[in-house]
Amino acid sequence: MHAFIALLLLGCAAPALGWSWEADTYPTQCAPLEINITSPGVPPYDFTFYRLAGYDLPFPQWGNGSVWNFTLPLSDVPGQVLADYILPWAAGSPLLIVGSDATGFASGGTSQVFTIAQSTGNETSCLFGQENNTTYLTTVPAWTEPVTQCGNMTIVLDNVALPVTIEVLVPGGDSFVTSTGNLQYPTTSPGNEGWAVMHTWMMNLTQGTNVAFQVSDANGPIFTSALVSVQNGNDTCLAGYVPPSSGLSGGTNKTGAIVGGVIGGLVGAFAVAAFILFGVHRYNRRKLILRRQTIGLTAYSPTKPERLSRDTWPGRYRDDPEEELTDRAREGPEDKLWEHMDRRMTTTE
């Protein structure tokens, strides 16, 4: 009954995408693993086997993960079973299988997580000693933890062979790959080494999803992670997400509302600034003209620039302010009259 249930699980392990496959036997220590292509894709077919580092372990404890890849020959046809495929890992190890073809990574789907079973006779001839990987802690000095829904993932890489690929493995789901692409280390001179590169991508997975990571550079694997669970984050990357209201008039497009609000605010600010500058300029000009009028440099209104020649001034107009101050004590009714006429001539709007 246990074997029958295991085979049923294997039959639905890889969801049908561009093509499909199934494992006809359960992964067992030092026993043949049979894989059958049930729906053809575009050969060649690649099967990648990931021995995960464990369950819910932190980044510094991912040293015992490993990966193995096998490519089916082009002569193999759908329906033919690949037999005698023996995995070199001990019973109890968590195992994940990804099927890919010429159309891309994980095009054939990702299995559920298997736990490698113990063989009937406790066969150990296939096993080999595997040293705990610690070099990744030096080549990857920074890694985002924990993984959160719609959160940004960041990896910092030091002294690796670029490009670096990060395979994001989702058991029973849509796995994908991200890469540093054309990113390169900056050219350095002797004594100016120590540069690192950083790669960031969004984790568009929902809270509670199990996920693992395989990181490799141009020379081969760097580390295989443990299986971890996506933690609570935000909803911005999920289908059907509606941004909250920005408080501005317009539609529900948050970006458009913000941009429109910023542009409107700038236009309003410029209008206010222009009005203030115009008022200050007008005030300063009027003040300058009135100051000049008191010493006889000009005799026209700020709003009606009508120049008056000197011979049109009243006979008792005081051109010298000091002389005007000296004679002010002797002013009589007649002087008041001329002063009134002066004011009319120089301040009429």
C-alpha atoms as a PDB file:
ATOM      1  CA  MET A   1       0.000   0.000   0.000  1.00  0.00           C
ATOM      2  CA  HIS A   2       2.871   2.380   0.850  1.00  0.00           C
ATOM      3  CA  ALA A   3       4.533   1.731  -2.539  1.00  0.00           C
ATOM      4  CA  PHE A   4       1.236   2.267  -4.356  1.00  0.00           C
ATOM      5  CA  ILE A   5       0.685   5.651  -2.680  1.00  0.00           C
ATOM      6  CA  ALA A   6       4.255   6.630  -3.499  1.00  0.00           C
ATOM      7  CA  LEU A   7       3.724   5.854  -7.191  1.00  0.00           C
ATOM      8  CA  LEU A   8       0.527   7.915  -7.230  1.00  0.00           C
ATOM      9  CA  LEU A   9       2.464  10.850  -5.828  1.00  0.00           C
ATOM     10  CA  LEU A  10       5.154  10.386  -8.429  1.00  0.00           C
ATOM     11  CA  GLY A  11       2.616  10.356 -11.201  1.00  0.00           C
ATOM     12  CA  CYS A  12       1.496  13.904 -10.320  1.00  0.00           C
ATOM     13  CA  ALA A  13       4.920  15.149  -9.236  1.00  0.00           C
ATOM     14  CA  ALA A  14       5.611  17.248 -12.293  1.00  0.00           C
ATOM     15  CA  PRO A  15       2.736  19.485 -13.438  1.00  0.00           C
ATOM     16  CA  ALA A  16       2.107  19.474 -17.182  1.00  0.00           C
ATOM     17  CA  LEU A  17       3.536  22.562 -18.810  1.00  0.00           C
ATOM     18  CA  GLY A  18       5.229  22.588 -22.230  1.00  0.00           C
ATOM     19  CA  TRP A  19       5.866  18.884 -21.791  1.00  0.00           C
ATOM     20  CA  SER A  20       5.582  16.351 -18.970  1.00  0.00           C
ATOM     21  CA  TRP A  21       7.401  13.497 -17.305  1.00  0.00           C
ATOM     22  CA  GLU A  22       6.975  11.169 -14.359  1.00  0.00           C
ATOM     23  CA  ALA A  23       9.108   9.004 -12.116  1.00  0.00           C
ATOM     24  CA  ASP A  24       8.074   5.361 -12.314  1.00  0.00           C
ATOM     25  CA  THR A  25       9.946   4.417  -9.147  1.00  0.00           C
ATOM     26  CA  TYR A  26      10.352   6.178  -5.832  1.00  0.00           C
ATOM     27  CA  PRO A  27      13.834   7.671  -5.161  1.00  0.00           C
ATOM     28  CA  THR A  28      15.615   5.112  -2.997  1.00  0.00           C
ATOM     29  CA  GLN A  29      19.163   4.893  -1.683  1.00  0.00           C
ATOM     30  CA  CYS A  30      21.423   3.130  -4.238  1.00  0.00           C
ATOM     31  CA  ALA A  31      18.391   1.841  -6.224  1.00  0.00           C
ATOM     32  CA  PRO A  32      17.574   2.596  -9.888  1.00  0.00           C
ATOM     33  CA  LEU A  33      15.368   5.615 -10.503  1.00  0.00           C
ATOM     34  CA  GLU A  34      13.184   5.365 -13.601  1.00  0.00           C
ATOM     35  CA  ILE A  35      11.914   8.506 -15.367  1.00  0.00           C
ATOM     36  CA  ASN A  36       9.447   8.420 -18.235  1.00  0.00           C
ATOM     37  CA  ILE A  37       8.634  11.305 -20.629  1.00  0.00           C
ATOM     38  CA  THR A  38       4.846  11.168 -20.951  1.00  0.00           C
ATOM     39  CA  SER A  39       4.332  14.161 -23.249  1.00  0.00           C
ATOM     40  CA  PRO A  40       7.060  15.287 -25.663  1.00  0.00           C
ATOM     41  CA  GLY A  41       8.783  18.640 -25.585  1.00  0.00           C
ATOM     42  CA  VAL A  42      11.746  19.994 -27.518  1.00  0.00           C
ATOM     43  CA  PRO A  43      14.848  17.847 -26.930  1.00  0.00           C
ATOM     44  CA  PRO A  44      17.339  17.622 -25.411  1.00  0.00           C
ATOM     45  CA  TYR A  45      15.759  16.952 -22.031  1.00  0.00           C
ATOM     46  CA  ASP A  46      17.598  17.941 -18.861  1.00  0.00           C
ATOM     47  CA  PHE A  47      16.793  16.562 -15.431  1.00  0.00           C
ATOM     48  CA  THR A  48      18.304  18.304 -12.432  1.00  0.00           C
ATOM     49  CA  PHE A  49      18.336  16.587  -9.037  1.00  0.00           C
ATOM     50  CA  TYR A  50      18.729  18.779  -5.967  1.00  0.00           C
ATOM     51  CA  ARG A  51      19.719  17.360  -2.615  1.00  0.00           C
ATOM     52  CA  LEU A  52      18.405  20.126  -0.390  1.00  0.00           C
ATOM     53  CA  ALA A  53      20.383  21.219   2.660  1.00  0.00           C
ATOM     54  CA  GLY A  54      17.450  20.511   4.969  1.00  0.00           C
ATOM     55  CA  TYR A  55      14.243  22.165   6.128  1.00  0.00           C
ATOM     56  CA  ASP A  56      13.865  25.701   7.497  1.00  0.00           C
ATOM     57  CA  LEU A  57      17.563  26.154   8.146  1.00  0.00           C
ATOM     58  CA  PRO A  58      19.222  29.609   8.107  1.00  0.00           C
ATOM     59  CA  PHE A  59      21.644  30.639   5.375  1.00  0.00           C
ATOM     60  CA  PRO A  60      24.877  29.756   7.260  1.00  0.00           C
ATOM     61  CA  GLN A  61      23.698  26.109   7.587  1.00  0.00           C
ATOM     62  CA  TRP A  62      23.268  25.312   3.890  1.00  0.00           C
ATOM     63  CA  GLY A  63      26.641  23.615   3.521  1.00  0.00           C
ATOM     64  CA  ASN A  64      25.473  20.041   2.828  1.00  0.00           C
ATOM     65  CA  GLY A  65      23.244  20.768  -0.172  1.00  0.00           C
ATOM     66  CA  SER A  66      24.308  19.508  -3.611  1.00  0.00           C
ATOM     67  CA  VAL A  67      23.075  19.197  -7.192  1.00  0.00           C
ATOM     68  CA  TRP A  68      23.390  16.741 -10.027  1.00  0.00           C
ATOM     69  CA  ASN A  69      22.344  17.173 -13.662  1.00  0.00           C
ATOM     70  CA  PHE A  70      21.651  14.591 -16.354  1.00  0.00           C
ATOM     71  CA  THR A  71      20.814  15.165 -20.034  1.00  0.00           C
ATOM     72  CA  LEU A  72      18.924  12.557 -22.032  1.00  0.00           C
ATOM     73  CA  PRO A  73      20.527  11.658 -25.368  1.00  0.00           C
ATOM     74  CA  LEU A  74      18.668  12.899 -28.435  1.00  0.00           C
ATOM     75  CA  SER A  75      18.069   9.277 -29.428  1.00  0.00           C
ATOM     76  CA  ASP A  76      15.754   8.757 -26.457  1.00  0.00           C
ATOM     77  CA  VAL A  77      12.098   9.051 -27.421  1.00  0.00           C
ATOM     78  CA  PRO A  78       8.982   9.783 -25.345  1.00  0.00           C
ATOM     79  CA  GLY A  79       7.678   6.671 -23.611  1.00  0.00           C
ATOM     80  CA  GLN A  80      11.134   5.140 -23.204  1.00  0.00           C
ATOM     81  CA  VAL A  81      12.125   4.690 -19.591  1.00  0.00           C
ATOM     82  CA  LEU A  82      15.495   5.899 -18.351  1.00  0.00           C
ATOM     83  CA  ALA A  83      16.474   3.133 -15.962  1.00  0.00           C
ATOM     84  CA  ASP A  84      19.416   2.438 -13.682  1.00  0.00           C
ATOM     85  CA  TYR A  85      19.670   6.080 -12.769  1.00  0.00           C
ATOM     86  CA  ILE A  86      21.213   5.850  -9.293  1.00  0.00           C
ATOM     87  CA  LEU A  87      21.461   8.917  -7.054  1.00  0.00           C
ATOM     88  CA  PRO A  88      24.551   9.159  -4.821  1.00  0.00           C
ATOM     89  CA  TRP A  89      22.695  10.355  -1.712  1.00  0.00           C
ATOM     90  CA  ALA A  90      21.764   8.604   1.491  1.00  0.00           C
ATOM     91  CA  ALA A  91      18.319   7.784   2.764  1.00  0.00           C
ATOM     92  CA  GLY A  92      16.559  10.619   4.528  1.00  0.00           C
ATOM     93  CA  SER A  93      17.903  13.293   2.177  1.00  0.00           C
ATOM     94  CA  PRO A  94      15.276  15.748   0.803  1.00  0.00           C
ATOM     95  CA  LEU A  95      15.209  15.559  -3.000  1.00  0.00           C
ATOM     96  CA  LEU A  96      13.741  17.869  -5.653  1.00  0.00           C
ATOM     97  CA  ILE A  97      13.635  17.145  -9.415  1.00  0.00           C
ATOM     98  CA  VAL A  98      13.243  19.715 -12.206  1.00  0.00           C
ATOM     99  CA  GLY A  99      12.649  18.839 -15.860  1.00  0.00           C
ATOM    100  CA  SER A 100      13.828  21.220 -18.593  1.00  0.00           C
ATOM    101  CA  ASP A 101      14.069  21.070 -22.380  1.00  0.00           C
ATOM    102  CA  ALA A 102      15.337  23.331 -25.163  1.00  0.00           C
ATOM    103  CA  THR A 103      12.547  25.855 -24.511  1.00  0.00           C
ATOM    104  CA  GLY A 104      13.835  26.817 -21.087  1.00  0.00           C
ATOM    105  CA  PHE A 105      14.429  26.068 -17.431  1.00  0.00           C
ATOM    106  CA  ALA A 106      11.725  24.056 -15.624  1.00  0.00           C
ATOM    107  CA  SER A 107       9.592  23.889 -18.793  1.00  0.00           C
ATOM    108  CA  GLY A 108       8.584  20.332 -17.805  1.00  0.00           C
ATOM    109  CA  GLY A 109       7.717  21.255 -14.227  1.00  0.00           C
ATOM    110  CA  THR A 110       9.092  20.798 -10.716  1.00  0.00           C
ATOM    111  CA  SER A 111       8.401  17.783  -8.531  1.00  0.00           C
ATOM    112  CA  GLN A 112       7.230  17.773  -4.951  1.00  0.00           C
ATOM    113  CA  VAL A 113       9.924  17.238  -2.326  1.00  0.00           C
ATOM    114  CA  PHE A 114      10.846  13.574  -1.931  1.00  0.00           C
ATOM    115  CA  THR A 115      12.623  12.023   1.026  1.00  0.00           C
ATOM    116  CA  ILE A 116      15.046   9.407  -0.305  1.00  0.00           C
ATOM    117  CA  ALA A 117      13.949   6.028   0.983  1.00  0.00           C
ATOM    118  CA  GLN A 118      16.119   3.358   2.586  1.00  0.00           C
ATOM    119  CA  SER A 119      16.975   0.438   0.311  1.00  0.00           C
ATOM    120  CA  THR A 120      15.814  -3.058   1.170  1.00  0.00           C
ATOM    121  CA  GLY A 121      19.292  -4.397   1.813  1.00  0.00           C
ATOM    122  CA  ASN A 122      20.704  -1.111   3.122  1.00  0.00           C
ATOM    123  CA  GLU A 123      22.911  -0.862   0.054  1.00  0.00           C
ATOM    124  CA  THR A 124      25.686   1.762   0.464  1.00  0.00           C
ATOM    125  CA  SER A 125      27.975   1.101  -2.522  1.00  0.00           C
ATOM    126  CA  CYS A 126      26.708   4.192  -4.378  1.00  0.00           C
ATOM    127  CA  LEU A 127      27.397   6.609  -1.580  1.00  0.00           C
ATOM    128  CA  PHE A 128      30.474   8.777  -1.458  1.00  0.00           C
ATOM    129  CA  GLY A 129      31.777  11.091   1.200  1.00  0.00           C
ATOM    130  CA  GLN A 130      30.731  14.696   0.764  1.00  0.00           C
ATOM    131  CA  GLU A 131      32.560  17.473   2.536  1.00  0.00           C
ATOM    132  CA  ASN A 132      30.505  20.198   4.115  1.00  0.00           C
ATOM    133  CA  ASN A 133      30.542  23.254   1.826  1.00  0.00           C
ATOM    134  CA  THR A 134      31.772  26.363   3.636  1.00  0.00           C
ATOM    135  CA  THR A 135      33.270  28.361   0.757  1.00  0.00           C
ATOM    136  CA  TYR A 136      29.861  29.838  -0.143  1.00  0.00           C
ATOM    137  CA  LEU A 137      29.925  31.841   3.083  1.00  0.00           C
ATOM    138  CA  THR A 138      32.936  33.719   1.675  1.00  0.00           C
ATOM    139  CA  THR A 139      31.811  34.050  -1.948  1.00  0.00           C
ATOM    140  CA  VAL A 140      28.272  35.063  -0.893  1.00  0.00           C
ATOM    141  CA  PRO A 141      28.829  37.516   1.986  1.00  0.00           C
ATOM    142  CA  ALA A 142      25.193  38.694   1.994  1.00  0.00           C
ATOM    143  CA  TRP A 143      21.855  36.981   1.341  1.00  0.00           C
ATOM    144  CA  THR A 144      18.344  38.214   2.154  1.00  0.00           C
ATOM    145  CA  GLU A 145      16.638  36.478   5.060  1.00  0.00           C
ATOM    146  CA  PRO A 146      13.836  35.752   5.618  1.00  0.00           C
ATOM    147  CA  VAL A 147      12.163  35.316   2.230  1.00  0.00           C
ATOM    148  CA  THR A 148       8.986  37.436   2.211  1.00  0.00           C
ATOM    149  CA  GLN A 149       5.938  37.694  -0.029  1.00  0.00           C
ATOM    150  CA  CYS A 150       6.568  40.275  -2.793  1.00  0.00           C
ATOM    151  CA  GLY A 151       9.813  41.223  -1.061  1.00  0.00           C
ATOM    152  CA  ASN A 152      13.119  42.001  -2.738  1.00  0.00           C
ATOM    153  CA  MET A 153      15.809  39.339  -2.622  1.00  0.00           C
ATOM    154  CA  THR A 154      19.441  40.467  -2.710  1.00  0.00           C
ATOM    155  CA  ILE A 155      22.624  38.461  -3.138  1.00  0.00           C
ATOM    156  CA  VAL A 156      26.119  39.926  -2.857  1.00  0.00           C
ATOM    157  CA  LEU A 157      28.842  38.038  -4.751  1.00  0.00           C
ATOM    158  CA  ASP A 158      32.572  38.210  -4.153  1.00  0.00           C
ATOM    159  CA  ASN A 159      35.322  36.472  -6.135  1.00  0.00           C
ATOM    160  CA  VAL A 160      33.025  34.353  -8.301  1.00  0.00           C
ATOM    161  CA  ALA A 161      33.056  33.686 -12.044  1.00  0.00           C
ATOM    162  CA  LEU A 162      30.294  35.778 -13.575  1.00  0.00           C
ATOM    163  CA  PRO A 163      27.585  35.382 -14.730  1.00  0.00           C
ATOM    164  CA  VAL A 164      25.801  33.899 -11.725  1.00  0.00           C
ATOM    165  CA  THR A 165      22.407  32.190 -12.051  1.00  0.00           C
ATOM    166  CA  ILE A 166      19.901  31.774  -9.218  1.00  0.00           C
ATOM    167  CA  GLU A 167      17.360  28.994  -9.732  1.00  0.00           C
ATOM    168  CA  VAL A 168      14.252  29.634  -7.631  1.00  0.00           C
ATOM    169  CA  LEU A 169      12.762  26.188  -6.993  1.00  0.00           C
ATOM    170  CA  VAL A 170       9.055  25.917  -6.122  1.00  0.00           C
ATOM    171  CA  PRO A 171       7.986  22.323  -5.349  1.00  0.00           C
ATOM    172  CA  GLY A 172       4.961  21.420  -7.472  1.00  0.00           C
ATOM    173  CA  GLY A 173       4.872  24.994  -8.847  1.00  0.00           C
ATOM    174  CA  ASP A 174       6.444  27.325 -11.346  1.00  0.00           C
ATOM    175  CA  SER A 175      10.180  27.454 -10.781  1.00  0.00           C
ATOM    176  CA  PHE A 176      12.177  30.170 -12.516  1.00  0.00           C
ATOM    177  CA  VAL A 177      15.704  31.432 -12.935  1.00  0.00           C
ATOM    178  CA  THR A 178      17.259  34.875 -12.544  1.00  0.00           C
ATOM    179  CA  SER A 179      20.770  35.883 -13.538  1.00  0.00           C
ATOM    180  CA  THR A 180      23.346  38.628 -13.107  1.00  0.00           C
ATOM    181  CA  GLY A 181      23.403  38.849 -16.916  1.00  0.00           C
ATOM    182  CA  ASN A 182      26.120  41.126 -18.282  1.00  0.00           C
ATOM    183  CA  LEU A 183      27.076  42.433 -14.857  1.00  0.00           C
ATOM    184  CA  GLN A 184      30.858  42.546 -14.464  1.00  0.00           C
ATOM    185  CA  TYR A 185      33.343  43.355 -11.753  1.00  0.00           C
ATOM    186  CA  PRO A 186      34.858  46.841 -12.177  1.00  0.00           C
ATOM    187  CA  THR A 187      38.412  46.974 -13.505  1.00  0.00           C
ATOM    188  CA  THR A 188      40.767  47.390 -10.574  1.00  0.00           C
ATOM    189  CA  SER A 189      44.427  48.200 -10.182  1.00  0.00           C
ATOM    190  CA  PRO A 190      46.822  46.407  -7.800  1.00  0.00           C
ATOM    191  CA  GLY A 191      45.981  47.356  -4.240  1.00  0.00           C
ATOM    192  CA  ASN A 192      42.399  48.286  -5.205  1.00  0.00           C
ATOM    193  CA  GLU A 193      40.817  44.816  -5.167  1.00  0.00           C
ATOM    194  CA  GLY A 194      37.912  43.631  -3.073  1.00  0.00           C
ATOM    195  CA  TRP A 195      35.019  44.696  -5.277  1.00  0.00           C
ATOM    196  CA  ALA A 196      31.758  42.714  -5.050  1.00  0.00           C
ATOM    197  CA  VAL A 197      28.618  42.685  -7.194  1.00  0.00           C
ATOM    198  CA  MET A 198      25.000  42.736  -6.045  1.00  0.00           C
ATOM    199  CA  HIS A 199      21.954  41.236  -7.740  1.00  0.00           C
ATOM    200  CA  THR A 200      18.344  41.918  -6.672  1.00  0.00           C
ATOM    201  CA  TRP A 201      15.040  40.416  -7.790  1.00  0.00           C
ATOM    202  CA  MET A 202      11.443  40.350  -6.536  1.00  0.00           C
ATOM    203  CA  MET A 203      10.082  37.241  -4.830  1.00  0.00           C
ATOM    204  CA  ASN A 204       6.579  37.071  -6.327  1.00  0.00           C
ATOM    205  CA  LEU A 205       5.446  34.142  -4.201  1.00  0.00           C
ATOM    206  CA  THR A 206       2.654  34.056  -1.655  1.00  0.00           C
ATOM    207  CA  GLN A 207       3.064  33.608   2.072  1.00  0.00           C
ATOM    208  CA  GLY A 208       3.393  29.946   3.073  1.00  0.00           C
ATOM    209  CA  THR A 209       4.889  28.779  -0.246  1.00  0.00           C
ATOM    210  CA  ASN A 210       7.899  26.476   0.135  1.00  0.00           C
ATOM    211  CA  VAL A 211      10.935  27.466  -1.912  1.00  0.00           C
ATOM    212  CA  ALA A 212      14.594  26.516  -2.345  1.00  0.00           C
ATOM    213  CA  PHE A 213      17.500  28.091  -4.231  1.00  0.00           C
ATOM    214  CA  GLN A 214      20.340  26.819  -6.372  1.00  0.00           C
ATOM    215  CA  VAL A 215      23.118  29.372  -6.968  1.00  0.00           C
ATOM    216  CA  SER A 216      25.828  28.676  -9.551  1.00  0.00           C
ATOM    217  CA  ASP A 217      28.527  30.675 -11.317  1.00  0.00           C
ATOM    218  CA  ALA A 218      30.337  30.040 -14.616  1.00  0.00           C
ATOM    219  CA  ASN A 219      32.491  27.379 -12.927  1.00  0.00           C
ATOM    220  CA  GLY A 220      29.684  25.397 -11.319  1.00  0.00           C
ATOM    221  CA  PRO A 221      27.489  25.207  -8.194  1.00  0.00           C
ATOM    222  CA  ILE A 222      28.062  27.632  -5.302  1.00  0.00           C
ATOM    223  CA  PHE A 223      25.373  26.337  -2.937  1.00  0.00           C
ATOM    224  CA  THR A 224      22.067  24.467  -2.757  1.00  0.00           C
ATOM    225  CA  SER A 225      19.776  25.873  -0.076  1.00  0.00           C
ATOM    226  CA  ALA A 226      17.445  24.303   2.434  1.00  0.00           C
ATOM    227  CA  LEU A 227      13.705  24.345   1.837  1.00  0.00           C
ATOM    228  CA  VAL A 228      12.290  27.474   3.465  1.00  0.00           C
ATOM    229  CA  SER A 229       8.819  28.982   3.775  1.00  0.00           C
ATOM    230  CA  VAL A 230       7.861  32.387   2.388  1.00  0.00           C
ATOM    231  CA  GLN A 231       6.964  34.770   5.217  1.00  0.00           C
ATOM    232  CA  ASN A 232       4.361  37.530   5.319  1.00  0.00           C
ATOM    233  CA  GLY A 233       5.274  40.611   3.286  1.00  0.00           C
ATOM    234  CA  ASN A 234       3.094  42.815   1.059  1.00  0.00           C
ATOM    235  CA  ASP A 235       0.596  42.324  -1.801  1.00  0.00           C
ATOM    236  CA  THR A 236       2.077  44.582  -4.478  1.00  0.00           C
ATOM    237  CA  CYS A 237       3.240  41.767  -6.790  1.00  0.00           C
ATOM    238  CA  LEU A 238       0.086  39.633  -6.602  1.00  0.00           C
ATOM    239  CA  ALA A 239      -2.608  39.404  -9.272  1.00  0.00           C
ATOM    240  CA  GLY A 240      -5.627  41.568  -8.499  1.00  0.00           C
ATOM    241  CA  TYR A 241      -3.687  43.939  -6.274  1.00  0.00           C
ATOM    242  CA  VAL A 242      -5.368  47.365  -6.075  1.00  0.00           C
ATOM    243  CA  PRO A 243      -3.140  50.193  -4.796  1.00  0.00           C
ATOM    244  CA  PRO A 244      -4.587  52.169  -1.866  1.00  0.00           C
ATOM    245  CA  SER A 245      -6.118  55.590  -2.581  1.00  0.00           C
ATOM    246  CA  SER A 246      -3.545  58.361  -2.727  1.00  0.00           C
ATOM    247  CA  GLY A 247      -6.043  60.986  -1.516  1.00  0.00           C
ATOM    248  CA  LEU A 248      -5.756  62.878  -4.815  1.00  0.00           C
ATOM    249  CA  SER A 249      -8.489  63.348  -7.386  1.00  0.00           C
ATOM    250  CA  GLY A 250      -8.413  61.137 -10.448  1.00  0.00           C
ATOM    251  CA  GLY A 251      -8.644  57.403 -11.135  1.00  0.00           C
ATOM    252  CA  THR A 252      -7.334  54.490  -9.106  1.00  0.00           C
ATOM    253  CA  ASN A 253      -3.948  54.622 -10.832  1.00  0.00           C
ATOM    254  CA  LYS A 254      -1.701  55.521  -7.944  1.00  0.00           C
ATOM    255  CA  THR A 255       1.273  56.363 -10.129  1.00  0.00           C
ATOM    256  CA  GLY A 256      -0.749  58.663 -12.384  1.00  0.00           C
ATOM    257  CA  ALA A 257      -2.337  60.403  -9.418  1.00  0.00           C
ATOM    258  CA  ILE A 258       0.995  61.014  -7.773  1.00  0.00           C
ATOM    259  CA  VAL A 259       2.611  62.259 -10.980  1.00  0.00           C
ATOM    260  CA  GLY A 260      -0.364  64.531 -11.696  1.00  0.00           C
ATOM    261  CA  GLY A 261      -0.318  65.858  -8.156  1.00  0.00           C
ATOM    262  CA  VAL A 262       3.396  66.566  -8.333  1.00  0.00           C
ATOM    263  CA  ILE A 263       3.070  68.374 -11.680  1.00  0.00           C
ATOM    264  CA  GLY A 264       0.058  70.399 -10.451  1.00  0.00           C
ATOM    265  CA  GLY A 265       1.898  71.308  -7.290  1.00  0.00           C
ATOM    266  CA  LEU A 266       4.931  72.473  -9.251  1.00  0.00           C
ATOM    267  CA  VAL A 267       2.788  74.596 -11.589  1.00  0.00           C
ATOM    268  CA  GLY A 268       1.026  76.176  -8.614  1.00  0.00           C
ATOM    269  CA  ALA A 269       4.326  76.813  -6.857  1.00  0.00           C
ATOM    270  CA  PHE A 270       5.760  78.481  -9.952  1.00  0.00           C
ATOM    271  CA  ALA A 271       2.640  80.667 -10.284  1.00  0.00           C
ATOM    272  CA  VAL A 272       2.842  81.795  -6.658  1.00  0.00           C
ATOM    273  CA  ALA A 273       6.576  82.416  -6.967  1.00  0.00           C
ATOM    274  CA  ALA A 274       6.071  84.465 -10.135  1.00  0.00           C
ATOM    275  CA  PHE A 275       3.345  86.548  -8.469  1.00  0.00           C
ATOM    276  CA  ILE A 276       5.551  87.214  -5.436  1.00  0.00           C
ATOM    277  CA  LEU A 277       8.542  88.153  -7.588  1.00  0.00           C
ATOM    278  CA  PHE A 278       6.368  90.488  -9.680  1.00  0.00           C
ATOM    279  CA  GLY A 279       5.033  92.178  -6.525  1.00  0.00           C
ATOM    280  CA  VAL A 280       8.507  92.544  -5.018  1.00  0.00           C
ATOM    281  CA  HIS A 281       9.842  93.966  -8.280  1.00  0.00           C
ATOM    282  CA  ARG A 282       6.954  96.432  -8.538  1.00  0.00           C
ATOM    283  CA  TYR A 283       7.350  97.476  -4.902  1.00  0.00           C
ATOM    284  CA  ASN A 284      11.100  97.991  -5.269  1.00  0.00           C
ATOM    285  CA  ARG A 285      10.658  99.973  -8.487  1.00  0.00           C
ATOM    286  CA  ARG A 286       8.046 102.261  -6.946  1.00  0.00           C
ATOM    287  CA  LYS A 287      10.217 102.751  -3.867  1.00  0.00           C
ATOM    288  CA  LEU A 288      13.238 103.567  -6.033  1.00  0.00           C
ATOM    289  CA  ILE A 289      11.303 106.065  -8.151  1.00  0.00           C
ATOM    290  CA  LEU A 290       9.799 107.835  -5.148  1.00  0.00           C
ATOM    291  CA  ARG A 291      13.214 108.030  -3.543  1.00  0.00           C
ATOM    292  CA  ARG A 292      14.616 109.616  -6.699  1.00  0.00           C
ATOM    293  CA  GLN A 293      11.739 112.080  -6.828  1.00  0.00           C
ATOM    294  CA  THR A 294      12.630 113.453  -3.399  1.00  0.00           C
ATOM    295  CA  ILE A 295      16.037 114.553  -4.683  1.00  0.00           C
ATOM    296  CA  GLY A 296      14.838 115.809  -8.070  1.00  0.00           C
ATOM    297  CA  LEU A 297      16.236 113.018 -10.281  1.00  0.00           C
ATOM    298  CA  THR A 298      12.910 112.264 -11.891  1.00  0.00           C
ATOM    299  CA  ALA A 299       9.415 113.663 -11.914  1.00  0.00           C
ATOM    300  CA  TYR A 300       7.103 110.995 -13.344  1.00  0.00           C
ATOM    301  CA  SER A 301       4.643 108.532 -11.949  1.00  0.00           C
ATOM    302  CA  PRO A 302       5.579 104.837 -11.708  1.00  0.00           C
ATOM    303  CA  THR A 303       2.493 103.923 -13.725  1.00  0.00           C
ATOM    304  CA  LYS A 304       2.612 106.881 -16.166  1.00  0.00           C
ATOM    305  CA  PRO A 305       6.197 107.414 -17.284  1.00  0.00           C
ATOM    306  CA  GLU A 306       5.712 111.016 -18.467  1.00  0.00           C
ATOM    307  CA  ARG A 307       8.974 112.929 -18.183  1.00  0.00           C
ATOM    308  CA  LEU A 308       8.821 116.619 -17.190  1.00  0.00           C
ATOM    309  CA  SER A 309      11.647 118.910 -18.237  1.00  0.00           C
ATOM    310  CA  ARG A 310      13.341 120.983 -15.549  1.00  0.00           C
ATOM    311  CA  ASP A 311      11.978 124.263 -16.906  1.00  0.00           C
ATOM    312  CA  THR A 312       8.438 123.057 -16.129  1.00  0.00           C
ATOM    313  CA  TRP A 313       9.190 122.667 -12.431  1.00  0.00           C
ATOM    314  CA  PRO A 314       7.696 125.264 -10.053  1.00  0.00           C
ATOM    315  CA  GLY A 315       9.976 128.106  -9.292  1.00  0.00           C
ATOM    316  CA  ARG A 316      10.298 127.189  -5.652  1.00  0.00           C
ATOM    317  CA  TYR A 317      10.986 123.469  -6.228  1.00  0.00           C
ATOM    318  CA  ARG A 318      13.898 122.473  -4.004  1.00  0.00           C
ATOM    319  CA  ASP A 319      16.540 120.542  -5.892  1.00  0.00           C
ATOM    320  CA  ASP A 320      18.898 120.301  -2.935  1.00  0.00           C
ATOM    321  CA  PRO A 321      17.565 118.279   0.055  1.00  0.00           C
ATOM    322  CA  GLU A 322      19.849 120.124   2.492  1.00  0.00           C
ATOM    323  CA  GLU A 323      18.680 123.485   1.185  1.00  0.00           C
ATOM    324  CA  GLU A 324      15.088 122.248   1.512  1.00  0.00           C
ATOM    325  CA  LEU A 325      15.708 121.258   5.120  1.00  0.00           C
ATOM    326  CA  THR A 326      17.315 124.660   5.871  1.00  0.00           C
ATOM    327  CA  ASP A 327      14.386 126.603   4.416  1.00  0.00           C
ATOM    328  CA  ARG A 328      11.645 124.389   5.857  1.00  0.00           C
ATOM    329  CA  ALA A 329      11.425 126.497   8.998  1.00  0.00           C
ATOM    330  CA  ARG A 330      10.587 129.568   6.897  1.00  0.00           C
ATOM    331  CA  GLU A 331       7.765 127.902   4.953  1.00  0.00           C
ATOM    332  CA  GLY A 332       4.523 129.837   4.919  1.00  0.00           C
ATOM    333  CA  PRO A 333       1.126 129.286   3.304  1.00  0.00           C
ATOM    334  CA  GLU A 334       2.616 129.874  -0.133  1.00  0.00           C
ATOM    335  CA  ASP A 335       5.224 127.201   0.448  1.00  0.00           C
ATOM    336  CA  LYS A 336       2.507 124.767   1.466  1.00  0.00           C
ATOM    337  CA  LEU A 337       0.731 125.461  -1.806  1.00  0.00           C
ATOM    338  CA  TRP A 338       3.864 124.704  -3.878  1.00  0.00           C
ATOM    339  CA  GLU A 339       4.492 121.567  -1.864  1.00  0.00           C
ATOM    340  CA  HIS A 340       0.949 120.435  -2.630  1.00  0.00           C
ATOM    341  CA  MET A 341       1.491 121.112  -6.360  1.00  0.00           C
ATOM    342  CA  ASP A 342       4.790 119.220  -6.269  1.00  0.00           C
ATOM    343  CA  ARG A 343       3.035 116.213  -4.750  1.00  0.00           C
ATOM    344  CA  ARG A 344       0.323 116.276  -7.392  1.00  0.00           C
ATOM    345  CA  MET A 345       2.864 116.417 -10.216  1.00  0.00           C
ATOM    346  CA  THR A 346       4.989 113.552  -8.945  1.00  0.00           C
ATOM    347  CA  THR A 347       2.482 111.056  -7.529  1.00  0.00           C
ATOM    348  CA  THR A 348      -0.508 111.235  -9.850  1.00  0.00           C
ATOM    349  CA  GLU A 349      -1.502 107.737 -10.958  1.00  0.00           C
END
